[in-house]
């Protein structure tokens, strides 16, 4: 019996996310890749007040936002946004 050819899976690409919030107590990344608030990713605060994290993602298009001290915030660095069902916008990250 001949085994079907397997398509090689493209490697995940590391993506950097950051948010400037010098007075915030916590910043979390949430999106379709975290099942939104189900598995948020905590960002680490840098000395300059910017919060950062890196996430490995497969190729694709992802919608996300930040939770800053529990409040939904857009990514001010992201120019691509789409409306969400709550009357606000999600930021979009395209990974190739």
PDB file of N, CA and C in Angstrom:
ATOM      1  N   UNK A   1       0.845  -1.186   0.000  1.00  0.00           N
ATOM      2  CA  UNK A   1       0.000   0.000   0.000  1.00  0.00           C
ATOM      3  C   UNK A   1       0.884   1.242   0.000  1.00  0.00           C
ATOM      4  N   UNK A   2       0.544   2.186  -0.842  1.00  0.00           N
ATOM      5  CA  UNK A   2       1.307   3.429  -0.943  1.00  0.00           C
ATOM      6  C   UNK A   2       0.728   4.447   0.028  1.00  0.00           C
ATOM      7  N   UNK A   3       1.610   5.034   0.829  1.00  0.00           N
ATOM      8  CA  UNK A   3       1.165   6.062   1.785  1.00  0.00           C
ATOM      9  C   UNK A   3       0.990   7.388   1.065  1.00  0.00           C
ATOM     10  N   UNK A   4      -0.057   8.169   1.410  1.00  0.00           N
ATOM     11  CA  UNK A   4      -0.233   9.489   0.780  1.00  0.00           C
ATOM     12  C   UNK A   4       0.909  10.417   1.184  1.00  0.00           C
ATOM     13  N   UNK A   5       1.265  11.291   0.251  1.00  0.00           N
ATOM     14  CA  UNK A   5       2.304  12.278   0.558  1.00  0.00           C
ATOM     15  C   UNK A   5       1.788  13.260   1.589  1.00  0.00           C
ATOM     16  N   UNK A   6       2.624  13.578   2.527  1.00  0.00           N
ATOM     17  CA  UNK A   6       2.255  14.563   3.536  1.00  0.00           C
ATOM     18  C   UNK A   6       2.800  15.915   3.115  1.00  0.00           C
ATOM     19  N   UNK A   7       1.951  16.914   3.207  1.00  0.00           N
ATOM     20  CA  UNK A   7       2.392  18.266   2.902  1.00  0.00           C
ATOM     21  C   UNK A   7       3.202  18.778   4.079  1.00  0.00           C
ATOM     22  N   UNK A   8       4.413  19.250   3.823  1.00  0.00           N
ATOM     23  CA  UNK A   8       5.199  19.756   4.955  1.00  0.00           C
ATOM     24  C   UNK A   8       4.515  20.965   5.582  1.00  0.00           C
ATOM     25  N   UNK A   9       4.475  20.952   6.899  1.00  0.00           N
ATOM     26  CA  UNK A   9       3.847  22.059   7.619  1.00  0.00           C
ATOM     27  C   UNK A   9       4.829  23.220   7.681  1.00  0.00           C
ATOM     28  N   UNK A  10       4.348  24.414   7.340  1.00  0.00           N
ATOM     29  CA  UNK A  10       5.240  25.561   7.403  1.00  0.00           C
ATOM     30  C   UNK A  10       5.543  25.880   8.870  1.00  0.00           C
ATOM     31  N   UNK A  11       6.777  26.272   9.136  1.00  0.00           N
ATOM     32  CA  UNK A  11       7.137  26.550  10.532  1.00  0.00           C
ATOM     33  C   UNK A  11       6.409  27.784  11.054  1.00  0.00           C
ATOM     34  N   UNK A  12       6.198  27.780  12.353  1.00  0.00           N
ATOM     35  CA  UNK A  12       5.572  28.944  12.978  1.00  0.00           C
ATOM     36  C   UNK A  12       6.541  30.120  12.912  1.00  0.00           C
ATOM     37  N   UNK A  13       5.979  31.296  12.859  1.00  0.00           N
ATOM     38  CA  UNK A  13       6.800  32.512  12.827  1.00  0.00           C
ATOM     39  C   UNK A  13       6.609  33.282  14.125  1.00  0.00           C
ATOM     40  N   UNK A  14       7.717  33.703  14.706  1.00  0.00           N
ATOM     41  CA  UNK A  14       7.649  34.462  15.947  1.00  0.00           C
ATOM     42  C   UNK A  14       7.186  35.881  15.651  1.00  0.00           C
ATOM     43  N   UNK A  15       6.174  36.318  16.381  1.00  0.00           N
ATOM     44  CA  UNK A  15       5.589  37.640  16.210  1.00  0.00           C
ATOM     45  C   UNK A  15       5.749  38.429  17.501  1.00  0.00           C
ATOM     46  N   UNK A  16       6.225  39.661  17.378  1.00  0.00           N
ATOM     47  CA  UNK A  16       6.389  40.524  18.550  1.00  0.00           C
ATOM     48  C   UNK A  16       5.160  41.417  18.698  1.00  0.00           C
ATOM     49  N   UNK A  17       4.682  41.557  19.923  1.00  0.00           N
ATOM     50  CA  UNK A  17       3.570  42.442  20.256  1.00  0.00           C
ATOM     51  C   UNK A  17       4.035  43.360  21.372  1.00  0.00           C
ATOM     52  N   UNK A  18       3.662  44.633  21.283  1.00  0.00           N
ATOM     53  CA  UNK A  18       4.029  45.569  22.349  1.00  0.00           C
ATOM     54  C   UNK A  18       2.930  46.600  22.528  1.00  0.00           C
ATOM     55  N   UNK A  19       2.897  47.166  23.739  1.00  0.00           N
ATOM     56  CA  UNK A  19       1.895  48.177  24.067  1.00  0.00           C
ATOM     57  C   UNK A  19       2.498  49.118  25.092  1.00  0.00           C
ATOM     58  N   UNK A  20       2.456  50.422  24.826  1.00  0.00           N
ATOM     59  CA  UNK A  20       3.003  51.405  25.753  1.00  0.00           C
ATOM     60  C   UNK A  20       1.937  51.797  26.771  1.00  0.00           C
ATOM     61  N   UNK A  21       2.210  51.481  28.037  1.00  0.00           N
ATOM     62  CA  UNK A  21       1.284  51.810  29.121  1.00  0.00           C
ATOM     63  C   UNK A  21       2.093  51.898  30.418  1.00  0.00           C
ATOM     64  N   UNK A  22       2.844  53.007  30.595  1.00  0.00           N
ATOM     65  CA  UNK A  22       3.752  53.121  31.734  1.00  0.00           C
ATOM     66  C   UNK A  22       3.082  52.982  33.100  1.00  0.00           C
ATOM     67  N   UNK A  23       1.816  53.367  33.225  1.00  0.00           N
ATOM     68  CA  UNK A  23       1.162  53.320  34.541  1.00  0.00           C
ATOM     69  C   UNK A  23       0.296  52.076  34.743  1.00  0.00           C
ATOM     70  N   UNK A  24       0.213  51.212  33.736  1.00  0.00           N
ATOM     71  CA  UNK A  24      -0.643  50.022  33.833  1.00  0.00           C
ATOM     72  C   UNK A  24      -0.074  49.015  34.830  1.00  0.00           C
ATOM     73  N   UNK A  25      -0.979  48.265  35.436  1.00  0.00           N
ATOM     74  CA  UNK A  25      -0.590  47.190  36.350  1.00  0.00           C
ATOM     75  C   UNK A  25      -0.464  45.856  35.605  1.00  0.00           C
ATOM     76  N   UNK A  26      -1.237  45.697  34.513  1.00  0.00           N
ATOM     77  CA  UNK A  26      -1.142  44.472  33.710  1.00  0.00           C
ATOM     78  C   UNK A  26      -1.582  44.760  32.279  1.00  0.00           C
ATOM     79  N   UNK A  27      -0.937  44.073  31.354  1.00  0.00           N
ATOM     80  CA  UNK A  27      -1.315  44.139  29.935  1.00  0.00           C
ATOM     81  C   UNK A  27      -1.322  42.699  29.430  1.00  0.00           C
ATOM     82  N   UNK A  28      -2.432  42.309  28.803  1.00  0.00           N
ATOM     83  CA  UNK A  28      -2.550  40.964  28.257  1.00  0.00           C
ATOM     84  C   UNK A  28      -2.949  41.035  26.795  1.00  0.00           C
ATOM     85  N   UNK A  29      -2.423  40.109  26.030  1.00  0.00           N
ATOM     86  CA  UNK A  29      -2.752  39.967  24.616  1.00  0.00           C
ATOM     87  C   UNK A  29      -3.848  38.922  24.502  1.00  0.00           C
ATOM     88  N   UNK A  30      -4.938  39.278  23.818  1.00  0.00           N
ATOM     89  CA  UNK A  30      -6.032  38.343  23.583  1.00  0.00           C
ATOM     90  C   UNK A  30      -6.409  38.406  22.110  1.00  0.00           C
ATOM     91  N   UNK A  31      -6.821  37.282  21.564  1.00  0.00           N
ATOM     92  CA  UNK A  31      -7.196  37.255  20.156  1.00  0.00           C
ATOM     93  C   UNK A  31      -7.769  35.905  19.790  1.00  0.00           C
ATOM     94  N   UNK A  32      -8.048  35.735  18.502  1.00  0.00           N
ATOM     95  CA  UNK A  32      -8.595  34.449  18.087  1.00  0.00           C
ATOM     96  C   UNK A  32      -7.590  33.325  18.323  1.00  0.00           C
ATOM     97  N   UNK A  33      -6.286  33.630  18.339  1.00  0.00           N
ATOM     98  CA  UNK A  33      -5.264  32.611  18.593  1.00  0.00           C
ATOM     99  C   UNK A  33      -5.129  32.262  20.077  1.00  0.00           C
ATOM    100  N   UNK A  34      -5.789  33.015  20.970  1.00  0.00           N
ATOM    101  CA  UNK A  34      -5.809  32.685  22.404  1.00  0.00           C
ATOM    102  C   UNK A  34      -7.218  32.297  22.844  1.00  0.00           C
ATOM    103  N   UNK A  35      -8.123  32.149  21.889  1.00  0.00           N
ATOM    104  CA  UNK A  35      -9.548  31.951  22.191  1.00  0.00           C
ATOM    105  C   UNK A  35     -10.035  33.113  23.057  1.00  0.00           C
ATOM    106  N   UNK A  36      -9.564  34.289  22.695  1.00  0.00           N
ATOM    107  CA  UNK A  36      -9.863  35.550  23.361  1.00  0.00           C
ATOM    108  C   UNK A  36      -9.534  35.467  24.840  1.00  0.00           C
ATOM    109  N   UNK A  37     -10.457  35.710  25.722  1.00  0.00           N
ATOM    110  CA  UNK A  37     -10.132  35.796  27.157  1.00  0.00           C
ATOM    111  C   UNK A  37      -9.886  34.427  27.799  1.00  0.00           C
ATOM    112  N   UNK A  38     -10.085  33.349  27.039  1.00  0.00           N
ATOM    113  CA  UNK A  38      -9.897  32.014  27.596  1.00  0.00           C
ATOM    114  C   UNK A  38      -8.431  31.729  27.953  1.00  0.00           C
ATOM    115  N   UNK A  39      -7.491  32.150  27.078  1.00  0.00           N
ATOM    116  CA  UNK A  39      -6.060  31.898  27.300  1.00  0.00           C
ATOM    117  C   UNK A  39      -5.235  33.156  27.029  1.00  0.00           C
ATOM    118  N   UNK A  40      -5.430  34.229  27.768  1.00  0.00           N
ATOM    119  CA  UNK A  40      -4.689  35.470  27.503  1.00  0.00           C
ATOM    120  C   UNK A  40      -3.188  35.272  27.713  1.00  0.00           C
ATOM    121  N   UNK A  41      -2.414  36.075  26.999  1.00  0.00           N
ATOM    122  CA  UNK A  41      -0.954  36.033  27.114  1.00  0.00           C
ATOM    123  C   UNK A  41      -0.504  37.304  27.826  1.00  0.00           C
ATOM    124  N   UNK A  42       0.177  37.139  28.948  1.00  0.00           N
ATOM    125  CA  UNK A  42       0.664  38.292  29.716  1.00  0.00           C
ATOM    126  C   UNK A  42       1.894  38.888  29.045  1.00  0.00           C
ATOM    127  N   UNK A  43       1.908  40.216  28.963  1.00  0.00           N
ATOM    128  CA  UNK A  43       3.082  40.924  28.465  1.00  0.00           C
ATOM    129  C   UNK A  43       3.956  41.304  29.653  1.00  0.00           C
ATOM    130  N   UNK A  44       5.250  41.442  29.406  1.00  0.00           N
ATOM    131  CA  UNK A  44       6.192  41.826  30.471  1.00  0.00           C
ATOM    132  C   UNK A  44       6.541  43.304  30.336  1.00  0.00           C
ATOM    133  N   UNK A  45       6.480  44.002  31.457  1.00  0.00           N
ATOM    134  CA  UNK A  45       6.756  45.444  31.466  1.00  0.00           C
ATOM    135  C   UNK A  45       8.256  45.701  31.375  1.00  0.00           C
ATOM    136  N   UNK A  46       8.632  46.597  30.462  1.00  0.00           N
ATOM    137  CA  UNK A  46      10.014  47.011  30.285  1.00  0.00           C
ATOM    138  C   UNK A  46      10.267  48.284  31.102  1.00  0.00           C
ATOM    139  N   UNK A  47      11.521  48.632  31.298  1.00  0.00           N
ATOM    140  CA  UNK A  47      11.862  49.819  32.100  1.00  0.00           C
ATOM    141  C   UNK A  47      11.278  51.106  31.536  1.00  0.00           C
ATOM    142  N   UNK A  48      11.085  51.163  30.205  1.00  0.00           N
ATOM    143  CA  UNK A  48      10.566  52.385  29.581  1.00  0.00           C
ATOM    144  C   UNK A  48       9.036  52.469  29.595  1.00  0.00           C
ATOM    145  N   UNK A  49       8.361  51.486  30.234  1.00  0.00           N
ATOM    146  CA  UNK A  49       6.902  51.525  30.321  1.00  0.00           C
ATOM    147  C   UNK A  49       6.191  50.815  29.190  1.00  0.00           C
ATOM    148  N   UNK A  50       6.950  50.245  28.252  1.00  0.00           N
ATOM    149  CA  UNK A  50       6.355  49.463  27.173  1.00  0.00           C
ATOM    150  C   UNK A  50       6.258  48.006  27.621  1.00  0.00           C
ATOM    151  N   UNK A  51       5.147  47.393  27.317  1.00  0.00           N
ATOM    152  CA  UNK A  51       4.917  45.988  27.649  1.00  0.00           C
ATOM    153  C   UNK A  51       5.157  45.170  26.387  1.00  0.00           C
ATOM    154  N   UNK A  52       5.830  44.017  26.513  1.00  0.00           N
ATOM    155  CA  UNK A  52       6.188  43.229  25.328  1.00  0.00           C
ATOM    156  C   UNK A  52       5.993  41.734  25.547  1.00  0.00           C
ATOM    157  N   UNK A  53       5.744  41.045  24.425  1.00  0.00           N
ATOM    158  CA  UNK A  53       5.733  39.584  24.390  1.00  0.00           C
ATOM    159  C   UNK A  53       6.005  39.137  22.959  1.00  0.00           C
ATOM    160  N   UNK A  54       6.350  37.866  22.819  1.00  0.00           N
ATOM    161  CA  UNK A  54       6.516  37.246  21.504  1.00  0.00           C
ATOM    162  C   UNK A  54       5.666  35.989  21.483  1.00  0.00           C
ATOM    163  N   UNK A  55       5.041  35.762  20.324  1.00  0.00           N
ATOM    164  CA  UNK A  55       4.149  34.623  20.150  1.00  0.00           C
ATOM    165  C   UNK A  55       4.495  33.954  18.827  1.00  0.00           C
ATOM    166  N   UNK A  56       4.569  32.625  18.819  1.00  0.00           N
ATOM    167  CA  UNK A  56       4.797  31.877  17.577  1.00  0.00           C
ATOM    168  C   UNK A  56       3.449  31.533  16.955  1.00  0.00           C
ATOM    169  N   UNK A  57       3.253  31.969  15.711  1.00  0.00           N
ATOM    170  CA  UNK A  57       1.975  31.760  15.019  1.00  0.00           C
ATOM    171  C   UNK A  57       2.206  31.113  13.661  1.00  0.00           C
ATOM    172  N   UNK A  58       1.275  30.255  13.257  1.00  0.00           N
ATOM    173  CA  UNK A  58       1.287  29.700  11.909  1.00  0.00           C
ATOM    174  C   UNK A  58       0.925  30.807  10.925  1.00  0.00           C
ATOM    175  N   UNK A  59       1.217  30.579   9.644  1.00  0.00           N
ATOM    176  CA  UNK A  59       0.815  31.531   8.610  1.00  0.00           C
ATOM    177  C   UNK A  59      -0.701  31.684   8.655  1.00  0.00           C
ATOM    178  N   UNK A  60      -1.174  32.914   8.502  1.00  0.00           N
ATOM    179  CA  UNK A  60      -2.609  33.169   8.521  1.00  0.00           C
ATOM    180  C   UNK A  60      -2.913  34.591   8.947  1.00  0.00           C
ATOM    181  N   UNK A  61      -4.183  34.883   9.087  1.00  0.00           N
ATOM    182  CA  UNK A  61      -4.655  36.200   9.517  1.00  0.00           C
ATOM    183  C   UNK A  61      -5.279  36.061  10.897  1.00  0.00           C
ATOM    184  N   UNK A  62      -4.875  36.932  11.805  1.00  0.00           N
ATOM    185  CA  UNK A  62      -5.313  36.855  13.196  1.00  0.00           C
ATOM    186  C   UNK A  62      -5.899  38.184  13.656  1.00  0.00           C
ATOM    187  N   UNK A  63      -6.968  38.109  14.451  1.00  0.00           N
ATOM    188  CA  UNK A  63      -7.584  39.290  15.054  1.00  0.00           C
ATOM    189  C   UNK A  63      -7.203  39.294  16.529  1.00  0.00           C
ATOM    190  N   UNK A  64      -6.887  40.482  17.056  1.00  0.00           N
ATOM    191  CA  UNK A  64      -6.465  40.568  18.458  1.00  0.00           C
ATOM    192  C   UNK A  64      -6.729  41.950  19.031  1.00  0.00           C
ATOM    193  N   UNK A  65      -6.642  42.038  20.359  1.00  0.00           N
ATOM    194  CA  UNK A  65      -6.719  43.291  21.122  1.00  0.00           C
ATOM    195  C   UNK A  65      -5.835  43.118  22.352  1.00  0.00           C
ATOM    196  N   UNK A  66      -5.692  44.189  23.092  1.00  0.00           N
ATOM    197  CA  UNK A  66      -5.001  44.128  24.373  1.00  0.00           C
ATOM    198  C   UNK A  66      -6.011  44.361  25.486  1.00  0.00           C
ATOM    199  N   UNK A  67      -5.773  43.733  26.625  1.00  0.00           N
ATOM    200  CA  UNK A  67      -6.528  44.019  27.847  1.00  0.00           C
ATOM    201  C   UNK A  67      -5.562  44.742  28.772  1.00  0.00           C
ATOM    202  N   UNK A  68      -5.799  46.037  28.969  1.00  0.00           N
ATOM    203  CA  UNK A  68      -4.935  46.860  29.813  1.00  0.00           C
ATOM    204  C   UNK A  68      -5.697  47.147  31.102  1.00  0.00           C
ATOM    205  N   UNK A  69      -5.212  46.582  32.187  1.00  0.00           N
ATOM    206  CA  UNK A  69      -5.907  46.685  33.480  1.00  0.00           C
ATOM    207  C   UNK A  69      -7.396  46.341  33.330  1.00  0.00           C
ATOM    208  N   UNK A  70      -7.668  45.296  32.525  1.00  0.00           N
ATOM    209  CA  UNK A  70      -9.032  44.803  32.343  1.00  0.00           C
ATOM    210  C   UNK A  70      -9.858  45.520  31.295  1.00  0.00           C
ATOM    211  N   UNK A  71      -9.308  46.579  30.666  1.00  0.00           N
ATOM    212  CA  UNK A  71     -10.048  47.327  29.645  1.00  0.00           C
ATOM    213  C   UNK A  71      -9.540  46.968  28.252  1.00  0.00           C
ATOM    214  N   UNK A  72     -10.494  46.759  27.320  1.00  0.00           N
ATOM    215  CA  UNK A  72     -10.148  46.431  25.936  1.00  0.00           C
ATOM    216  C   UNK A  72      -9.483  47.632  25.282  1.00  0.00           C
ATOM    217  N   UNK A  73      -8.344  47.409  24.632  1.00  0.00           N
ATOM    218  CA  UNK A  73      -7.627  48.489  23.942  1.00  0.00           C
ATOM    219  C   UNK A  73      -7.141  47.998  22.584  1.00  0.00           C
ATOM    220  N   UNK A  74      -7.230  48.886  21.579  1.00  0.00           N
ATOM    221  CA  UNK A  74      -6.687  48.601  20.251  1.00  0.00           C
ATOM    222  C   UNK A  74      -5.165  48.697  20.294  1.00  0.00           C
ATOM    223  N   UNK A  75      -4.526  48.086  19.323  1.00  0.00           N
ATOM    224  CA  UNK A  75      -3.083  48.217  19.158  1.00  0.00           C
ATOM    225  C   UNK A  75      -2.824  49.503  18.370  1.00  0.00           C
ATOM    226  N   UNK A  76      -2.272  50.555  19.005  1.00  0.00           N
ATOM    227  CA  UNK A  76      -2.062  51.816  18.296  1.00  0.00           C
ATOM    228  C   UNK A  76      -1.015  51.713  17.185  1.00  0.00           C
ATOM    229  N   UNK A  77      -0.204  50.662  17.202  1.00  0.00           N
ATOM    230  CA  UNK A  77       0.817  50.464  16.162  1.00  0.00           C
ATOM    231  C   UNK A  77       0.249  49.788  14.914  1.00  0.00           C
ATOM    232  N   UNK A  78      -0.939  49.215  15.025  1.00  0.00           N
ATOM    233  CA  UNK A  78      -1.525  48.439  13.932  1.00  0.00           C
ATOM    234  C   UNK A  78      -2.442  49.317  13.079  1.00  0.00           C
ATOM    235  N   UNK A  79      -2.187  49.323  11.761  1.00  0.00           N
ATOM    236  CA  UNK A  79      -3.016  50.150  10.878  1.00  0.00           C
ATOM    237  C   UNK A  79      -4.178  49.361  10.274  1.00  0.00           C
ATOM    238  N   UNK A  80      -4.123  48.028  10.326  1.00  0.00           N
ATOM    239  CA  UNK A  80      -5.184  47.198   9.764  1.00  0.00           C
ATOM    240  C   UNK A  80      -6.141  46.787  10.879  1.00  0.00           C
ATOM    241  N   UNK A  81      -7.407  47.216  10.760  1.00  0.00           N
ATOM    242  CA  UNK A  81      -8.426  46.924  11.776  1.00  0.00           C
ATOM    243  C   UNK A  81      -9.710  46.492  11.088  1.00  0.00           C
ATOM    244  N   UNK A  82     -10.472  45.673  11.801  1.00  0.00           N
ATOM    245  CA  UNK A  82     -11.776  45.239  11.287  1.00  0.00           C
ATOM    246  C   UNK A  82     -12.815  45.431  12.384  1.00  0.00           C
ATOM    247  N   UNK A  83     -14.068  45.759  11.999  1.00  0.00           N
ATOM    248  CA  UNK A  83     -15.114  45.908  13.013  1.00  0.00           C
ATOM    249  C   UNK A  83     -15.383  44.573  13.700  1.00  0.00           C
ATOM    250  N   UNK A  84     -15.721  44.642  14.980  1.00  0.00           N
ATOM    251  CA  UNK A  84     -16.110  43.427  15.691  1.00  0.00           C
ATOM    252  C   UNK A  84     -17.586  43.537  16.077  1.00  0.00           C
ATOM    253  N   UNK A  85     -18.188  42.452  16.571  1.00  0.00           N
ATOM    254  CA  UNK A  85     -19.627  42.468  16.877  1.00  0.00           C
ATOM    255  C   UNK A  85     -20.021  43.387  18.031  1.00  0.00           C
ATOM    256  N   UNK A  86     -19.051  43.965  18.724  1.00  0.00           N
ATOM    257  CA  UNK A  86     -19.347  44.785  19.900  1.00  0.00           C
ATOM    258  C   UNK A  86     -19.310  46.280  19.607  1.00  0.00           C
ATOM    259  N   UNK A  87     -19.244  46.637  18.300  1.00  0.00           N
ATOM    260  CA  UNK A  87     -19.253  48.041  17.919  1.00  0.00           C
ATOM    261  C   UNK A  87     -17.891  48.699  18.018  1.00  0.00           C
ATOM    262  N   UNK A  88     -16.857  47.905  18.175  1.00  0.00           N
ATOM    263  CA  UNK A  88     -15.494  48.402  18.272  1.00  0.00           C
ATOM    264  C   UNK A  88     -14.683  47.774  17.143  1.00  0.00           C
ATOM    265  N   UNK A  89     -13.373  47.774  17.257  1.00  0.00           N
ATOM    266  CA  UNK A  89     -12.526  47.217  16.214  1.00  0.00           C
ATOM    267  C   UNK A  89     -11.509  46.245  16.806  1.00  0.00           C
ATOM    268  N   UNK A  90     -11.134  45.254  16.002  1.00  0.00           N
ATOM    269  CA  UNK A  90     -10.034  44.357  16.334  1.00  0.00           C
ATOM    270  C   UNK A  90      -8.851  44.720  15.452  1.00  0.00           C
ATOM    271  N   UNK A  91      -7.663  44.614  16.009  1.00  0.00           N
ATOM    272  CA  UNK A  91      -6.456  44.775  15.223  1.00  0.00           C
ATOM    273  C   UNK A  91      -6.228  43.471  14.459  1.00  0.00           C
ATOM    274  N   UNK A  92      -5.552  43.573  13.306  1.00  0.00           N
ATOM    275  CA  UNK A  92      -5.326  42.392  12.456  1.00  0.00           C
ATOM    276  C   UNK A  92      -3.827  42.223  12.236  1.00  0.00           C
ATOM    277  N   UNK A  93      -3.348  40.982  12.442  1.00  0.00           N
ATOM    278  CA  UNK A  93      -1.949  40.640  12.168  1.00  0.00           C
ATOM    279  C   UNK A  93      -1.953  39.560  11.097  1.00  0.00           C
ATOM    280  N   UNK A  94      -1.236  39.820   9.993  1.00  0.00           N
ATOM    281  CA  UNK A  94      -1.105  38.837   8.932  1.00  0.00           C
ATOM    282  C   UNK A  94       0.290  38.227   9.010  1.00  0.00           C
ATOM    283  N   UNK A  95       0.339  36.905   9.110  1.00  0.00           N
ATOM    284  CA  UNK A  95       1.605  36.179   9.194  1.00  0.00           C
ATOM    285  C   UNK A  95       1.754  35.399   7.887  1.00  0.00           C
ATOM    286  N   UNK A  96       2.875  35.637   7.176  1.00  0.00           N
ATOM    287  CA  UNK A  96       3.073  34.936   5.886  1.00  0.00           C
ATOM    288  C   UNK A  96       4.072  33.824   6.019  1.00  0.00           C
TER     289      UNK A  96
END
